[in-house]
Protein backbone atom coordinates (compact mmCIF):
# COMPACT_ATOMS: atom_id res chain seq x y z
CA MET A 1 71.70 125.79 113.83
CA SER A 2 70.47 126.35 117.85
CA ASP A 3 70.97 123.76 120.31
CA LYS A 4 67.37 123.20 121.22
CA LYS A 5 66.83 121.87 117.65
CA ILE A 6 69.48 118.93 117.98
CA PRO A 7 67.86 116.02 119.68
CA TYR A 8 69.28 114.07 122.69
CA LYS A 9 70.06 111.30 120.08
CA ILE A 10 70.67 111.75 116.46
CA TYR A 11 70.30 108.47 114.28
CA LEU A 12 70.77 107.89 110.60
CA THR A 13 68.59 106.11 108.88
CA GLU A 14 69.48 102.48 107.65
CA ASP A 15 69.70 103.73 104.03
CA GLU A 16 72.40 106.44 105.52
CA LEU A 17 74.50 103.28 106.71
CA PRO A 18 77.63 104.06 105.02
CA ARG A 19 78.26 101.36 102.13
CA GLN A 20 82.46 101.67 102.40
CA TRP A 21 85.07 101.72 104.97
CA TYR A 22 87.53 104.85 105.06
CA ASN A 23 91.59 103.79 104.62
CA VAL A 24 93.07 107.46 106.10
CA ARG A 25 96.62 105.52 105.20
CA ALA A 26 95.09 106.82 101.43
CA ASP A 27 95.80 110.40 102.80
CA MET A 28 98.64 109.96 105.08
CA LYS A 29 101.90 111.96 103.64
CA ASN A 30 104.17 109.58 105.66
CA LYS A 31 102.49 105.99 105.45
CA PRO A 32 102.74 103.66 108.63
CA ALA A 33 105.99 101.73 107.99
CA PRO A 34 105.21 97.72 106.76
CA LEU A 35 105.32 94.74 108.37
CA LEU A 36 108.68 93.29 108.75
CA ASN A 37 109.42 89.82 108.87
CA PRO A 38 111.69 89.22 112.20
CA ALA A 39 114.03 86.27 110.35
CA THR A 40 115.14 88.47 107.50
CA LEU A 41 114.04 92.06 108.59
CA GLN A 42 112.28 92.43 105.18
CA PRO A 43 108.72 93.75 104.67
CA MET A 44 105.77 90.93 104.83
CA THR A 45 104.74 90.04 101.55
CA TYR A 46 101.18 88.38 101.01
CA GLU A 47 102.33 85.06 100.72
CA ASP A 48 104.70 85.88 103.78
CA LEU A 49 101.27 86.69 105.38
CA ARG A 50 99.30 83.69 104.26
CA PRO A 51 100.04 81.47 106.58
CA VAL A 52 98.57 83.71 109.44
CA PHE A 53 95.91 86.02 107.93
CA CYS A 54 92.65 85.28 105.58
CA ASP A 55 93.59 86.29 102.11
CA GLU A 56 91.01 89.50 101.77
CA LEU A 57 92.45 90.86 104.90
CA ILE A 58 95.96 90.37 104.17
CA LYS A 59 94.94 92.59 100.89
CA GLN A 60 93.42 95.07 102.82
CA GLU A 61 95.96 94.82 105.37
CA LEU A 62 98.77 96.19 102.95
CA ASP A 63 97.04 98.54 101.01
CA ASP A 64 97.90 102.10 101.32
CA ASN A 65 96.59 103.66 98.77
CA THR A 66 92.67 102.76 98.11
CA ALA A 67 90.61 105.50 100.12
CA TYR A 68 87.65 103.70 100.07
CA ILE A 69 86.81 99.67 100.33
CA ASP A 70 83.58 98.52 99.39
CA ILE A 71 81.80 96.85 102.50
CA PRO A 72 80.07 93.39 101.40
CA THR A 73 76.41 93.49 101.36
CA GLU A 74 76.44 90.44 103.81
CA ILE A 75 78.60 92.59 106.09
CA ARG A 76 76.42 95.32 105.77
CA ASP A 77 73.00 93.47 106.33
CA PHE A 78 74.48 92.20 109.71
CA TYR A 79 75.11 95.35 110.82
CA LYS A 80 71.92 96.55 110.07
CA MET A 81 71.01 94.22 113.07
CA TYR A 82 72.71 97.08 115.40
CA ARG A 83 73.68 100.15 113.41
CA PRO A 84 73.14 102.55 112.69
CA SER A 85 74.38 103.39 116.33
CA PRO A 86 73.36 106.80 118.15
CA LEU A 87 75.08 109.76 118.07
CA VAL A 88 74.24 111.37 122.14
CA ARG A 89 74.00 115.00 122.72
CA ALA A 90 75.06 114.56 126.41
CA TYR A 91 72.66 117.47 127.47
CA CYS A 92 72.18 116.40 130.96
CA LEU A 93 76.65 115.77 131.37
CA GLU A 94 76.86 119.65 130.23
CA ALA A 95 74.11 120.83 132.90
CA GLN A 96 75.96 119.02 135.71
CA LEU A 97 79.18 120.28 134.71
CA GLY A 98 77.91 123.56 134.06
CA THR A 99 80.36 124.02 131.00
CA PRO A 100 79.43 125.94 127.69
CA ALA A 101 81.00 123.20 126.05
CA LYS A 102 78.89 120.84 124.15
CA ILE A 103 79.56 117.37 124.20
CA TYR A 104 78.55 114.32 122.06
CA TYR A 105 79.43 110.50 122.34
CA LYS A 106 79.02 107.91 119.89
CA PHE A 107 77.30 105.34 121.34
CA GLU A 108 78.76 101.44 120.42
CA GLY A 109 77.18 99.26 123.28
CA ASN A 110 73.81 98.69 121.72
CA ASN A 111 74.57 94.84 120.48
CA THR A 112 75.16 91.92 123.18
CA SER A 113 78.97 92.22 122.72
CA GLY A 114 78.41 95.36 124.73
CA SER A 115 80.96 97.36 122.22
CA HIS A 116 82.27 98.40 118.73
CA LYS A 117 84.54 95.16 118.29
CA LEU A 118 81.46 93.21 116.41
CA ASN A 119 82.29 96.20 113.32
CA SER A 120 85.49 94.11 112.70
CA ALA A 121 84.44 90.78 113.91
CA ILE A 122 81.71 90.41 111.22
CA ALA A 123 83.91 91.19 108.73
CA GLN A 124 87.12 89.31 109.63
CA ALA A 125 84.68 86.07 109.91
CA TYR A 126 82.80 86.68 106.60
CA TYR A 127 86.33 86.53 104.81
CA ALA A 128 87.43 83.52 106.84
CA LYS A 129 84.42 81.95 105.91
CA ASN A 130 84.31 82.99 102.18
CA GLN A 131 87.52 81.62 101.76
CA GLY A 132 86.24 77.81 103.23
CA LEU A 133 88.08 78.06 106.51
CA LYS A 134 86.76 75.97 109.34
CA GLY A 135 87.57 78.05 112.11
CA VAL A 136 89.31 81.44 113.74
CA THR A 137 92.16 81.63 116.83
CA THR A 138 91.70 85.01 118.48
CA GLU A 139 93.31 86.58 121.95
CA THR A 140 90.42 88.55 124.22
CA GLY A 141 91.53 91.33 126.69
CA ALA A 142 88.34 92.33 128.77
CA GLY A 143 86.48 89.94 126.49
CA GLN A 144 84.86 92.47 124.70
CA TRP A 145 86.59 91.30 121.61
CA GLY A 146 85.96 87.60 122.39
CA THR A 147 82.74 87.94 122.39
CA ALA A 148 82.08 89.44 119.33
CA LEU A 149 84.10 87.23 117.41
CA SER A 150 82.07 84.38 119.01
CA MET A 151 79.06 85.95 117.95
CA ALA A 152 80.16 86.22 114.34
CA CYS A 153 80.99 82.90 113.86
CA ALA A 154 77.95 81.27 115.73
CA TYR A 155 76.41 83.45 112.77
CA LEU A 156 78.23 82.37 110.59
CA GLY A 157 79.11 78.59 111.61
CA LEU A 158 82.60 78.92 112.17
CA ASP A 159 84.63 77.41 115.14
CA CYS A 160 85.88 80.29 117.59
CA GLN A 161 89.14 79.49 119.58
CA VAL A 162 89.83 82.32 122.09
CA TYR A 163 92.81 82.65 124.67
CA MET A 164 91.53 85.38 127.12
CA VAL A 165 94.39 87.09 129.40
CA LYS A 166 93.96 85.35 132.56
CA VAL A 167 93.23 88.24 134.77
CA SER A 168 89.84 88.78 132.88
CA TYR A 169 89.12 85.37 132.67
CA GLU A 170 89.45 85.29 136.52
CA GLN A 171 87.73 88.74 137.15
CA LYS A 172 84.89 88.63 134.46
CA PRO A 173 83.56 85.20 134.37
CA PHE A 174 80.47 86.23 132.91
CA ARG A 175 81.96 87.41 129.88
CA ARG A 176 83.41 84.12 129.40
CA GLU A 177 80.34 82.34 129.29
CA VAL A 178 78.95 84.59 127.00
CA MET A 179 81.79 83.56 124.48
CA ARG A 180 80.88 80.05 125.56
CA THR A 181 77.29 80.48 124.95
CA TYR A 182 77.89 81.66 121.70
CA GLY A 183 79.85 78.16 120.74
CA ALA A 184 83.51 79.47 121.53
CA SER A 185 86.18 77.43 123.28
CA VAL A 186 87.84 80.26 126.40
CA THR A 187 91.33 79.08 127.51
CA PRO A 188 93.07 81.38 129.84
CA SER A 189 96.32 82.52 128.86
CA PRO A 190 99.16 81.93 129.06
CA SER A 191 98.60 78.34 128.88
CA ASP A 192 100.02 74.83 128.76
CA LYS A 193 98.06 74.09 125.66
CA THR A 194 100.67 75.91 123.51
CA ALA A 195 104.55 75.75 123.21
CA VAL A 196 104.74 79.52 123.64
CA GLY A 197 102.40 79.56 126.70
CA ARG A 198 104.35 76.90 128.53
CA LYS A 199 107.37 79.10 127.85
CA ILE A 200 106.12 82.26 129.10
CA LEU A 201 104.64 80.78 132.21
CA ASP A 202 108.52 78.94 132.77
CA ALA A 203 110.05 82.67 132.52
CA HIS A 204 107.00 84.54 134.48
CA PRO A 205 105.25 81.82 137.19
CA GLY A 206 102.59 83.19 138.42
CA THR A 207 102.08 86.08 135.58
CA THR A 208 98.50 87.35 135.21
CA GLY A 209 99.35 87.21 131.62
CA SER A 210 98.47 90.23 128.58
CA LEU A 211 97.52 90.63 125.22
CA GLY A 212 100.99 90.03 124.30
CA CYS A 213 100.91 86.62 125.65
CA ALA A 214 97.69 85.55 124.09
CA ILE A 215 98.05 86.84 121.05
CA SER A 216 101.20 84.91 121.14
CA GLU A 217 99.07 81.31 121.83
CA ALA A 218 96.28 82.66 119.05
CA VAL A 219 98.76 82.45 116.22
CA GLU A 220 100.61 79.29 117.22
CA ALA A 221 97.10 77.72 117.59
CA ALA A 222 96.21 78.97 114.04
CA THR A 223 99.23 77.86 112.28
CA SER A 224 99.03 74.47 113.71
CA GLN A 225 95.96 73.65 112.79
CA GLU A 226 94.48 73.11 109.14
CA GLY A 227 91.77 75.31 108.00
CA TYR A 228 92.17 77.80 110.67
CA ARG A 229 93.54 81.25 110.56
CA TYR A 230 94.21 84.29 113.17
CA VAL A 231 92.20 86.94 113.48
CA LEU A 232 92.24 90.04 116.07
CA GLY A 233 90.70 92.74 117.39
CA SER A 234 92.84 95.60 117.28
CA VAL A 235 96.17 97.05 116.37
CA LEU A 236 96.47 96.03 112.69
CA ASN A 237 95.32 98.26 109.79
CA GLN A 238 92.35 96.13 108.30
CA VAL A 239 90.75 96.16 111.97
CA LEU A 240 91.04 100.14 112.13
CA LEU A 241 89.82 99.99 108.62
CA HIS A 242 86.45 98.19 109.49
CA GLN A 243 85.98 100.30 112.71
CA THR A 244 86.03 103.45 110.32
CA ILE A 245 82.05 102.93 110.26
CA ILE A 246 81.96 104.25 113.72
CA GLY A 247 83.68 107.79 112.60
CA LEU A 248 81.48 107.78 109.44
CA GLU A 249 78.42 107.34 110.96
CA THR A 250 79.76 109.95 113.52
CA LYS A 251 80.55 112.45 110.94
CA ALA A 252 77.35 112.14 109.20
CA ALA A 253 75.06 112.23 112.29
CA LEU A 254 77.24 115.56 113.17
CA ASP A 255 76.92 117.12 109.34
CA LYS A 256 73.40 116.94 109.78
CA TYR A 257 72.80 119.68 111.98
CA ASP A 258 76.21 121.47 110.65
CA VAL A 259 78.14 120.38 113.95
CA LYS A 260 81.84 120.70 113.54
CA PRO A 261 83.65 119.36 116.57
CA ASP A 262 86.87 120.99 118.18
CA ILE A 263 88.26 117.96 120.05
CA ILE A 264 87.80 114.29 119.27
CA ILE A 265 88.97 111.99 121.89
CA GLY A 266 89.23 108.09 122.34
CA CYS A 267 90.56 105.50 124.84
CA ALA A 268 93.65 103.76 123.27
CA GLY A 269 94.97 100.40 123.97
CA GLY A 270 95.91 98.92 120.52
CA GLY A 271 94.17 101.62 118.47
CA SER A 272 90.84 99.98 116.85
CA ASN A 273 87.66 102.43 118.24
CA LEU A 274 90.26 105.30 118.61
CA GLY A 275 91.56 104.83 114.96
CA GLY A 276 87.96 103.83 113.42
CA LEU A 277 86.05 106.99 115.31
CA ILE A 278 88.64 109.59 114.04
CA SER A 279 89.85 107.96 110.56
CA PRO A 280 87.27 110.61 108.94
CA PHE A 281 87.81 113.82 110.52
CA MET A 282 91.67 113.16 109.90
CA GLY A 283 91.42 112.79 106.63
CA GLU A 284 89.84 116.02 106.25
CA LYS A 285 92.99 117.79 108.37
CA LEU A 286 95.45 115.61 106.17
CA ARG A 287 93.85 117.07 103.31
CA GLY A 288 93.81 120.50 104.53
CA GLU A 289 90.25 121.11 104.55
CA LYS A 290 89.51 121.14 108.38
CA ASP A 291 91.41 121.24 111.54
CA TYR A 292 90.38 119.54 115.06
CA ARG A 293 92.53 117.98 117.63
CA PHE A 294 92.14 114.72 118.45
CA ILE A 295 93.14 112.93 122.23
CA ALA A 296 94.33 109.53 122.32
CA VAL A 297 93.66 108.41 126.25
CA GLU A 298 95.47 105.42 127.52
CA PRO A 299 96.29 103.71 131.41
CA ALA A 300 99.06 105.53 133.53
CA SER A 301 99.64 102.09 134.19
CA CYS A 302 100.47 101.40 130.47
CA PRO A 303 101.45 104.33 128.64
CA SER A 304 102.34 103.31 125.08
CA PHE A 305 101.97 106.70 123.50
CA THR A 306 103.15 108.96 126.47
CA ARG A 307 106.08 106.90 127.31
CA GLY A 308 106.91 104.53 124.95
CA LYS A 309 109.33 104.50 122.36
CA PHE A 310 108.50 104.56 118.47
CA ALA A 311 110.28 101.41 116.86
CA TYR A 312 110.26 98.23 115.25
CA ASP A 313 108.45 95.27 117.99
CA PHE A 314 107.17 92.24 118.26
CA CYS A 315 103.37 92.64 118.50
CA ASP A 316 103.49 89.88 120.75
CA THR A 317 105.14 88.19 123.97
CA GLY A 318 106.33 84.85 122.34
CA MET A 319 107.75 86.94 119.77
CA VAL A 320 106.55 84.85 116.75
CA CYS A 321 104.31 87.78 115.11
CA PRO A 322 105.83 90.03 112.56
CA LEU A 323 107.65 93.17 113.51
CA ALA A 324 105.58 96.40 113.61
CA LYS A 325 106.58 99.91 114.13
CA MET A 326 105.09 101.73 116.38
CA TYR A 327 104.99 103.11 119.85
CA THR A 328 106.00 100.21 122.55
CA LEU A 329 107.13 99.51 125.74
CA GLY A 330 108.52 96.46 124.95
CA SER A 331 107.01 92.82 124.14
CA SER A 332 108.17 91.73 127.22
CA PHE A 333 106.35 94.30 129.20
CA ILE A 334 103.12 92.69 130.78
CA PRO A 335 101.16 95.14 132.68
CA SER A 336 99.79 95.37 135.88
CA ALA A 337 96.53 94.23 136.49
CA ASN A 338 94.31 97.02 136.04
CA HIS A 339 90.55 96.57 135.21
CA ALA A 340 90.80 97.87 131.09
CA GLY A 341 91.53 94.89 130.30
CA GLY A 342 91.02 96.30 126.70
CA LEU A 343 94.00 98.89 127.09
CA ARG A 344 96.31 96.35 128.54
CA TYR A 345 98.66 95.84 125.54
CA HIS A 346 102.33 97.07 125.11
CA GLY A 347 102.34 98.26 122.14
CA MET A 348 99.76 100.92 119.31
CA SER A 349 98.63 100.81 115.96
CA SER A 350 101.23 101.56 113.43
CA ILE A 351 98.61 103.85 111.61
CA LEU A 352 98.21 106.13 115.27
CA SER A 353 101.57 105.78 116.08
CA GLN A 354 102.45 107.66 112.74
CA LEU A 355 100.08 110.05 113.00
CA TYR A 356 101.15 110.80 116.55
CA HIS A 357 104.60 111.38 116.05
CA ASP A 358 103.82 113.50 113.18
CA GLY A 359 101.98 115.79 115.68
CA LEU A 360 98.50 115.05 114.37
CA MET A 361 97.27 114.01 117.57
CA GLU A 362 97.80 114.02 121.13
CA ALA A 363 98.25 111.37 124.06
CA ARG A 364 97.37 111.78 127.66
CA ALA A 365 97.81 108.89 130.63
CA VAL A 366 95.22 108.69 133.13
CA GLU A 367 94.76 106.53 136.20
CA GLN A 368 92.77 104.25 137.23
CA THR A 369 90.77 105.71 140.18
CA SER A 370 89.88 108.87 138.60
CA VAL A 371 88.54 106.64 135.60
CA PHE A 372 86.22 104.91 137.61
CA GLN A 373 85.57 108.69 139.18
CA ALA A 374 84.59 109.50 135.79
CA ALA A 375 82.33 106.51 135.03
CA GLU A 376 80.00 106.79 137.91
CA GLN A 377 79.56 110.19 137.29
CA PHE A 378 79.06 109.89 133.55
CA ALA A 379 76.59 106.53 134.87
CA ARG A 380 74.50 108.71 137.64
CA ILE A 381 74.23 111.41 135.32
CA GLU A 382 73.64 110.10 131.52
CA GLY A 383 72.05 106.67 132.36
CA ILE A 384 74.78 104.14 130.84
CA LEU A 385 77.23 102.08 133.08
CA PRO A 386 80.43 102.68 130.66
CA ALA A 387 82.94 100.10 130.51
CA PRO A 388 86.59 101.00 132.13
CA GLU A 389 88.09 100.98 128.84
CA SER A 390 85.61 103.47 127.59
CA SER A 391 85.59 105.63 130.72
CA HIS A 392 88.96 106.80 130.14
CA ALA A 393 87.64 108.87 127.40
CA ILE A 394 84.68 109.99 129.61
CA ARG A 395 87.28 110.79 131.99
CA VAL A 396 89.67 113.29 129.85
CA ALA A 397 86.21 114.86 127.90
CA ILE A 398 84.91 116.00 131.38
CA ASP A 399 88.58 117.66 132.15
CA GLU A 400 88.39 119.28 128.51
CA ALA A 401 84.82 120.34 129.58
CA LEU A 402 86.00 121.80 132.80
CA LYS A 403 88.76 123.78 131.10
CA CYS A 404 85.99 125.62 129.45
CA LYS A 405 84.00 126.07 132.08
CA GLU A 406 87.39 128.30 133.13
CA THR A 407 87.89 129.97 129.93
CA GLY A 408 84.38 130.83 128.81
CA GLU A 409 85.04 128.61 125.50
CA GLU A 410 82.28 127.07 123.56
CA LYS A 411 84.04 124.17 122.18
CA THR A 412 82.26 121.20 120.93
CA ILE A 413 83.80 118.02 122.02
CA VAL A 414 83.12 114.46 120.36
CA PHE A 415 84.13 111.02 122.35
CA GLY A 416 83.66 107.29 121.67
CA LEU A 417 81.62 105.43 124.22
CA THR A 418 83.11 102.22 123.13
CA GLY A 419 80.88 99.87 125.11
CA THR A 420 79.07 98.99 128.78
CA GLY A 421 80.57 97.99 131.71
CA TYR A 422 77.60 95.28 133.16
CA PHE A 423 80.66 92.67 133.26
CA ASP A 424 83.00 94.78 134.78
CA MET A 425 81.15 95.10 138.42
CA VAL A 426 84.41 93.74 140.40
CA ALA A 427 86.23 96.69 139.24
CA TYR A 428 83.58 98.68 140.22
CA GLU A 429 83.38 97.05 143.51
CA LYS A 430 86.76 97.36 143.98
CA PHE A 431 86.48 101.29 143.55
CA HIS A 432 83.68 101.45 145.94
CA ASP A 433 85.30 99.79 148.39
CA GLY A 434 88.42 101.65 148.13
CA ARG A 435 90.86 98.76 147.35
CA MET A 436 91.47 99.94 144.01
CA SER A 437 95.16 100.95 143.30
CA ASP A 438 96.82 103.35 141.10
CA TYR A 439 100.22 101.78 140.03
CA ILE A 440 102.25 103.41 137.73
CA PRO A 441 105.38 101.91 136.25
CA THR A 442 108.81 103.34 137.10
CA ASP A 443 111.40 104.08 134.61
CA GLU A 444 113.20 100.82 135.33
CA ASP A 445 110.05 98.71 134.99
CA LEU A 446 110.25 100.24 131.82
CA GLN A 447 113.79 100.20 131.16
CA ALA A 448 113.40 96.06 131.27
CA GLY A 449 110.66 96.25 128.50
CA PHE A 450 112.77 98.35 126.31
CA GLU A 451 115.76 96.23 126.78
CA GLY A 452 113.97 93.64 124.87
CA ILE A 453 112.79 95.79 121.63
CA PRO A 454 115.02 94.32 118.35
CA LYS A 455 118.45 96.32 118.16
CA PHE A 456 118.97 96.52 114.07
CA GLN A 457 120.03 99.12 112.02
CA GLY A 458 117.47 101.68 111.22
CA ASN A 459 115.76 100.74 114.45
CA GLU A 460 117.58 103.08 116.97
CA PHE A 461 115.27 104.84 119.49
C-alpha cells in the first residue's frame, strides 16, 4: 500500500483492543533462568514468593508455557479510558532528516501518568484488590511508575506507599505531588524509615539513591505490614507480560496497512516497555515466521547490557530479594545522577537478558547529551516533548534513519515513545544551559559492582 494511504496516526477501535496478553516465554527455546532463593540457591516456589507478591501475579511470574493469558474484563475496561494508544507515522521527522526510512512510533504518553506504566499498574492493583489486601508498596525512579500505581490504587481504593529514588524526588517535585494528589505516600530513598535504608545510608552517606535501594525498602515495608504486598514497574516476567498490550496493538495497527518493520527500538532500564513492545514480533522470530532487528538502548552511565555480566545477582541493593539471572552491573552499583531516572537500574529483565545472550537482539549505549539533542529535535518537529527515557530510543531511531540516508535503503523503523517529559524540565534546563554532563563509568567503577555479584558454583562470569 502506498505511503499516502497511511495516516499520520493509526488507531485501533475499542473492539480491537487485545483481549489477552502474550507470554513470549512460551516460544523461547531457552527459557529465562528461574529466580533463586538466596539462602538455599534453589528455584523460588509459589509458596516462597507469597509473602512478597500477590497470588495471581506469582502464577504469571512462574508460567513459562502459557502463550496467551486472558485480560480480566475489569482491567480491559480500565484500559479503554486511554487505550488503544496511537501508532504515529513520523512524516515530519522523516522529511527533516531527508531519509528514505519510514519511521513509526507507538505513543504511550496519552494518560495522566504520562507513560506506559499504567498498563501494568492497573493489573497489579486489580489482583491485589481481588486478594483482599489493604495496600501495596513499591519503588519508583523517575516517578512514572509511582504515578501510575497511585492512579490505579486510587481507582480501586487501595493504600499506596512509594519509595522514590532520592535524586528524582529532589529533581522532580511535581511528579511527587501528582502521586500525593492520587493519595500515595512518597518517601525519598534511601530513607531512615526502614532497616535496609539505614544500612545503605551508613554505607553510602549522601548517596543519591538508585532503583535497587528503593526496591529494598519497598520490599521490607511490604513484608513488615499485614495485608500489604510489593509490586513493581519493570524487570519481572509478570510486568513484561502486562506490557505486551503495547506490542500487540502496534502489530495490529501495522498489519492493517500491511507494514512490516525492519527495526524495532526501545529504551531499556529494567525492560518493561522494550519487552512489551517487541514480544509479539519476537514471538514471530522465535517461531521462524518472520525476522526483525531489535535494538535495546540504555544510558552509557548505566550500561547493563553493553558492559554488564550475565549472572545471577540480587535484584536490589539491600540484598533482600531473590536472585535473578540477568545482565547486571552488580547490585551495589549506584549509577550517576543522570536524568533518565527510569533507566538507572543495575540489572535487566531475565527474559530480555536471555534473548540478548542468545543473539536475538542488539544493545546500544548512548550518552546523555546526545539523547537530549535528539529529544529537542523530535519535540521541535513532531510536537511532543519526550521523556528522557523515551529519548534514548529516539536517539537510535534517528541514527538508524540517517544510516538509511547514507545507503539509500528504505527500511521501516518502529520505536517506543514511552512517555512525555513535562515533569523533566530541570533536565531540559541543564541541557539548554550547557550544564549537562556525560558521565561514563570506568572499568574500575564497574569492577567494584561486579565484585559484589554472588559467587557460587554455576554462577561464573
